[in-house]
């Protein structure tokens, strides 16, 4: 199964990505081996994850979430979207 996730970086910014294993990906980010964006913004903490049917659906949903404003992302995390 594939997932879309949102993490909060140490500087308060949000990062959205996709993975097949959320916990492993979180460990990768915090080890400094994840996305270039998160490497200098560690530690990160998981705020949101959403299961998707397959990789294609996960990538599509990731793109949708990345287009949202910060306020809309926080509303999604809070369950208000």
C-alpha atoms as a PDB file:
ATOM      1  CA  UNK A   1       0.000   0.000   0.000  1.00  0.00           C
ATOM      2  CA  UNK A   2       1.152   3.533  -0.719  1.00  0.00           C
ATOM      3  CA  UNK A   3       0.732   6.566   1.519  1.00  0.00           C
ATOM      4  CA  UNK A   4       0.890  10.329   1.280  1.00  0.00           C
ATOM      5  CA  UNK A   5       2.238  12.004   4.400  1.00  0.00           C
ATOM      6  CA  UNK A   6       2.915  15.425   5.874  1.00  0.00           C
ATOM      7  CA  UNK A   7       5.707  16.041   8.345  1.00  0.00           C
ATOM      8  CA  UNK A   8       6.543  19.145  10.314  1.00  0.00           C
ATOM      9  CA  UNK A   9      10.206  20.104  10.181  1.00  0.00           C
ATOM     10  CA  UNK A  10      12.138  21.531  13.126  1.00  0.00           C
ATOM     11  CA  UNK A  11      11.806  25.026  11.629  1.00  0.00           C
ATOM     12  CA  UNK A  12       7.994  24.709  11.566  1.00  0.00           C
ATOM     13  CA  UNK A  13       7.672  24.196   7.817  1.00  0.00           C
ATOM     14  CA  UNK A  14       5.599  21.386   6.349  1.00  0.00           C
ATOM     15  CA  UNK A  15       6.875  18.761   3.917  1.00  0.00           C
ATOM     16  CA  UNK A  16       4.613  16.464   1.891  1.00  0.00           C
ATOM     17  CA  UNK A  17       5.761  13.201   0.341  1.00  0.00           C
ATOM     18  CA  UNK A  18       4.711   9.655  -0.533  1.00  0.00           C
ATOM     19  CA  UNK A  19       5.989   6.269   0.573  1.00  0.00           C
ATOM     20  CA  UNK A  20       5.104   2.602   0.977  1.00  0.00           C
ATOM     21  CA  UNK A  21       6.249   2.562   4.625  1.00  0.00           C
ATOM     22  CA  UNK A  22       5.547   5.694   6.678  1.00  0.00           C
ATOM     23  CA  UNK A  23       7.581   4.737   9.763  1.00  0.00           C
ATOM     24  CA  UNK A  24      10.624   3.745   7.721  1.00  0.00           C
ATOM     25  CA  UNK A  25      10.397   6.961   5.694  1.00  0.00           C
ATOM     26  CA  UNK A  26      10.175   9.035   8.883  1.00  0.00           C
ATOM     27  CA  UNK A  27      13.328   7.329  10.171  1.00  0.00           C
ATOM     28  CA  UNK A  28      15.037   8.025   6.837  1.00  0.00           C
ATOM     29  CA  UNK A  29      14.161  11.721   7.031  1.00  0.00           C
ATOM     30  CA  UNK A  30      15.423  11.965  10.609  1.00  0.00           C
ATOM     31  CA  UNK A  31      18.653  10.163   9.710  1.00  0.00           C
ATOM     32  CA  UNK A  32      19.381  12.901   7.163  1.00  0.00           C
ATOM     33  CA  UNK A  33      18.972  10.531   4.238  1.00  0.00           C
ATOM     34  CA  UNK A  34      15.526  11.589   3.111  1.00  0.00           C
ATOM     35  CA  UNK A  35      14.543  14.462   0.888  1.00  0.00           C
ATOM     36  CA  UNK A  36      17.048  17.250   0.411  1.00  0.00           C
ATOM     37  CA  UNK A  37      14.499  19.689   1.858  1.00  0.00           C
ATOM     38  CA  UNK A  38      14.292  17.880   5.204  1.00  0.00           C
ATOM     39  CA  UNK A  39      18.019  17.155   5.631  1.00  0.00           C
ATOM     40  CA  UNK A  40      18.782  20.547   7.134  1.00  0.00           C
ATOM     41  CA  UNK A  41      15.449  20.805   8.949  1.00  0.00           C
ATOM     42  CA  UNK A  42      15.646  17.827  11.287  1.00  0.00           C
ATOM     43  CA  UNK A  43      14.081  16.407  13.292  1.00  0.00           C
ATOM     44  CA  UNK A  44      10.776  15.977  11.526  1.00  0.00           C
ATOM     45  CA  UNK A  45       7.586  14.654  13.068  1.00  0.00           C
ATOM     46  CA  UNK A  46       4.661  13.013  11.357  1.00  0.00           C
ATOM     47  CA  UNK A  47       1.472  15.075  11.369  1.00  0.00           C
ATOM     48  CA  UNK A  48      -0.632  13.269   8.765  1.00  0.00           C
ATOM     49  CA  UNK A  49      -0.744  10.171   6.589  1.00  0.00           C
ATOM     50  CA  UNK A  50      -3.333   9.021   4.096  1.00  0.00           C
ATOM     51  CA  UNK A  51      -3.508   5.599   2.428  1.00  0.00           C
ATOM     52  CA  UNK A  52      -3.765   5.500  -1.361  1.00  0.00           C
ATOM     53  CA  UNK A  53      -4.717   2.648  -3.684  1.00  0.00           C
ATOM     54  CA  UNK A  54      -1.407   2.616  -5.569  1.00  0.00           C
ATOM     55  CA  UNK A  55       1.670   4.667  -6.432  1.00  0.00           C
ATOM     56  CA  UNK A  56      -0.120   6.592  -9.163  1.00  0.00           C
ATOM     57  CA  UNK A  57      -2.903   7.637  -6.782  1.00  0.00           C
ATOM     58  CA  UNK A  58      -0.363   8.549  -4.103  1.00  0.00           C
ATOM     59  CA  UNK A  59       1.631  10.756  -6.478  1.00  0.00           C
ATOM     60  CA  UNK A  60      -1.545  12.460  -7.667  1.00  0.00           C
ATOM     61  CA  UNK A  61      -2.688  13.109  -4.100  1.00  0.00           C
ATOM     62  CA  UNK A  62       0.792  14.343  -3.138  1.00  0.00           C
ATOM     63  CA  UNK A  63       0.649  16.898  -5.964  1.00  0.00           C
ATOM     64  CA  UNK A  64      -2.833  18.010  -4.832  1.00  0.00           C
ATOM     65  CA  UNK A  65      -1.685  18.505  -1.251  1.00  0.00           C
ATOM     66  CA  UNK A  66       1.463  20.360  -2.305  1.00  0.00           C
ATOM     67  CA  UNK A  67      -0.731  22.886  -4.137  1.00  0.00           C
ATOM     68  CA  UNK A  68      -2.695  23.659  -0.964  1.00  0.00           C
ATOM     69  CA  UNK A  69      -1.924  26.705   1.128  1.00  0.00           C
ATOM     70  CA  UNK A  70      -0.371  26.191   4.558  1.00  0.00           C
ATOM     71  CA  UNK A  71      -3.737  26.985   6.168  1.00  0.00           C
ATOM     72  CA  UNK A  72      -5.467  24.374   4.002  1.00  0.00           C
ATOM     73  CA  UNK A  73      -2.795  21.789   4.861  1.00  0.00           C
ATOM     74  CA  UNK A  74      -3.288  22.484   8.578  1.00  0.00           C
ATOM     75  CA  UNK A  75      -7.055  22.106   8.118  1.00  0.00           C
ATOM     76  CA  UNK A  76      -6.475  18.760   6.372  1.00  0.00           C
ATOM     77  CA  UNK A  77      -4.244  17.641   9.256  1.00  0.00           C
ATOM     78  CA  UNK A  78      -6.899  18.723  11.755  1.00  0.00           C
ATOM     79  CA  UNK A  79      -9.527  16.726   9.832  1.00  0.00           C
ATOM     80  CA  UNK A  80     -11.496  19.769   8.727  1.00  0.00           C
ATOM     81  CA  UNK A  81     -11.088  19.314   4.961  1.00  0.00           C
END
